[in-house]
């Protein structure tokens, strides 16, 4: 993603009402998450540090506070028969 697109996304998120967005993540929080779950893709890491998370169109994108719980649930569901079968996803 180029810098122009990042600026557009950051500006769009800044204009959202607080109830539609999550707080931004710190580098320390991201490092802690990555030490437990593995690397976060570069663009998503940028998004978490600059926008935080929240509504994107009609969807919700987890912020750092929700992300660990979502990842733990995904991993648990991947370990059961007929559970998720995708590898390397966040």
Protein backbone atom coordinates (compact mmCIF):
# COMPACT_ATOMS: atom_id res chain seq x y z
CA UNK A 1 0.00 0.00 0.00
CA UNK A 2 1.44 3.37 -0.92
CA UNK A 3 1.65 6.44 1.33
CA UNK A 4 -1.24 8.19 -0.43
CA UNK A 5 -3.56 5.28 0.32
CA UNK A 6 -2.37 5.14 3.94
CA UNK A 7 -3.12 8.85 4.34
CA UNK A 8 -6.60 8.40 2.87
CA UNK A 9 -7.34 5.48 5.19
CA UNK A 10 -6.00 7.28 8.27
CA UNK A 11 -8.04 10.39 7.45
CA UNK A 12 -11.20 8.34 6.91
CA UNK A 13 -10.74 6.60 10.26
CA UNK A 14 -10.00 9.85 12.06
CA UNK A 15 -13.37 11.19 10.90
CA UNK A 16 -15.34 8.21 12.28
CA UNK A 17 -17.27 8.59 15.54
CA UNK A 18 -15.45 7.03 18.51
CA UNK A 19 -18.05 4.23 18.80
CA UNK A 20 -17.05 3.07 15.30
CA UNK A 21 -13.36 2.62 15.99
CA UNK A 22 -10.88 1.02 18.36
CA UNK A 23 -7.91 2.68 19.97
CA UNK A 24 -4.60 2.41 18.13
CA UNK A 25 -2.14 -0.30 19.15
CA UNK A 26 1.29 0.38 20.56
CA UNK A 27 4.44 -1.22 19.17
CA UNK A 28 4.80 -3.08 22.47
CA UNK A 29 1.28 -4.54 22.21
CA UNK A 30 1.89 -5.63 18.63
CA UNK A 31 5.20 -7.25 19.58
CA UNK A 32 3.51 -9.12 22.45
CA UNK A 33 0.76 -10.33 20.12
CA UNK A 34 3.30 -11.44 17.51
CA UNK A 35 5.36 -13.32 20.09
CA UNK A 36 2.30 -15.44 20.85
CA UNK A 37 0.58 -15.75 17.46
CA UNK A 38 3.23 -15.00 14.85
CA UNK A 39 3.83 -12.03 12.56
CA UNK A 40 1.09 -9.62 11.59
CA UNK A 41 1.15 -8.73 7.87
CA UNK A 42 2.86 -5.37 7.32
CA UNK A 43 -0.18 -3.43 6.07
CA UNK A 44 -2.43 -4.75 8.85
CA UNK A 45 0.24 -3.90 11.42
CA UNK A 46 0.32 -0.35 10.03
CA UNK A 47 -3.49 -0.22 10.21
CA UNK A 48 -3.52 -1.31 13.87
CA UNK A 49 -0.87 1.29 14.79
CA UNK A 50 -2.48 4.19 12.92
CA UNK A 51 -6.21 3.46 12.78
CA UNK A 52 -6.75 0.89 15.52
CA UNK A 53 -9.64 -1.08 14.09
CA UNK A 54 -13.38 -0.63 13.84
CA UNK A 55 -15.90 -0.37 11.06
CA UNK A 56 -14.75 -0.79 7.49
CA UNK A 57 -17.82 -0.50 5.31
CA UNK A 58 -20.32 -2.91 6.85
CA UNK A 59 -17.67 -5.06 8.54
CA UNK A 60 -15.84 -4.82 11.88
CA UNK A 61 -12.05 -5.16 11.96
CA UNK A 62 -10.72 -6.14 15.38
CA UNK A 63 -8.37 -3.82 17.18
CA UNK A 64 -5.50 -5.06 19.34
CA UNK A 65 -7.80 -5.53 22.37
CA UNK A 66 -10.02 -8.02 20.50
CA UNK A 67 -7.45 -9.58 18.22
CA UNK A 68 -5.93 -12.08 20.67
CA UNK A 69 -9.35 -13.46 21.63
CA UNK A 70 -10.35 -13.83 17.99
CA UNK A 71 -7.07 -15.56 17.16
CA UNK A 72 -7.41 -17.92 20.15
CA UNK A 73 -10.94 -18.83 19.07
CA UNK A 74 -9.80 -19.44 15.49
CA UNK A 75 -6.94 -21.68 16.67
CA UNK A 76 -9.28 -23.64 18.97
CA UNK A 77 -11.76 -24.16 16.14
CA UNK A 78 -8.94 -25.25 13.84
CA UNK A 79 -8.01 -28.05 16.26
CA UNK A 80 -11.38 -29.84 16.11
CA UNK A 81 -12.60 -32.29 13.47
CA UNK A 82 -14.42 -30.45 10.70
CA UNK A 83 -13.10 -27.15 12.08
CA UNK A 84 -11.32 -24.43 10.15
CA UNK A 85 -8.72 -25.80 7.75
CA UNK A 86 -6.91 -22.63 6.73
CA UNK A 87 -3.25 -22.19 7.64
CA UNK A 88 -1.26 -19.00 7.98
CA UNK A 89 -4.22 -16.67 8.42
CA UNK A 90 -4.74 -13.92 10.93
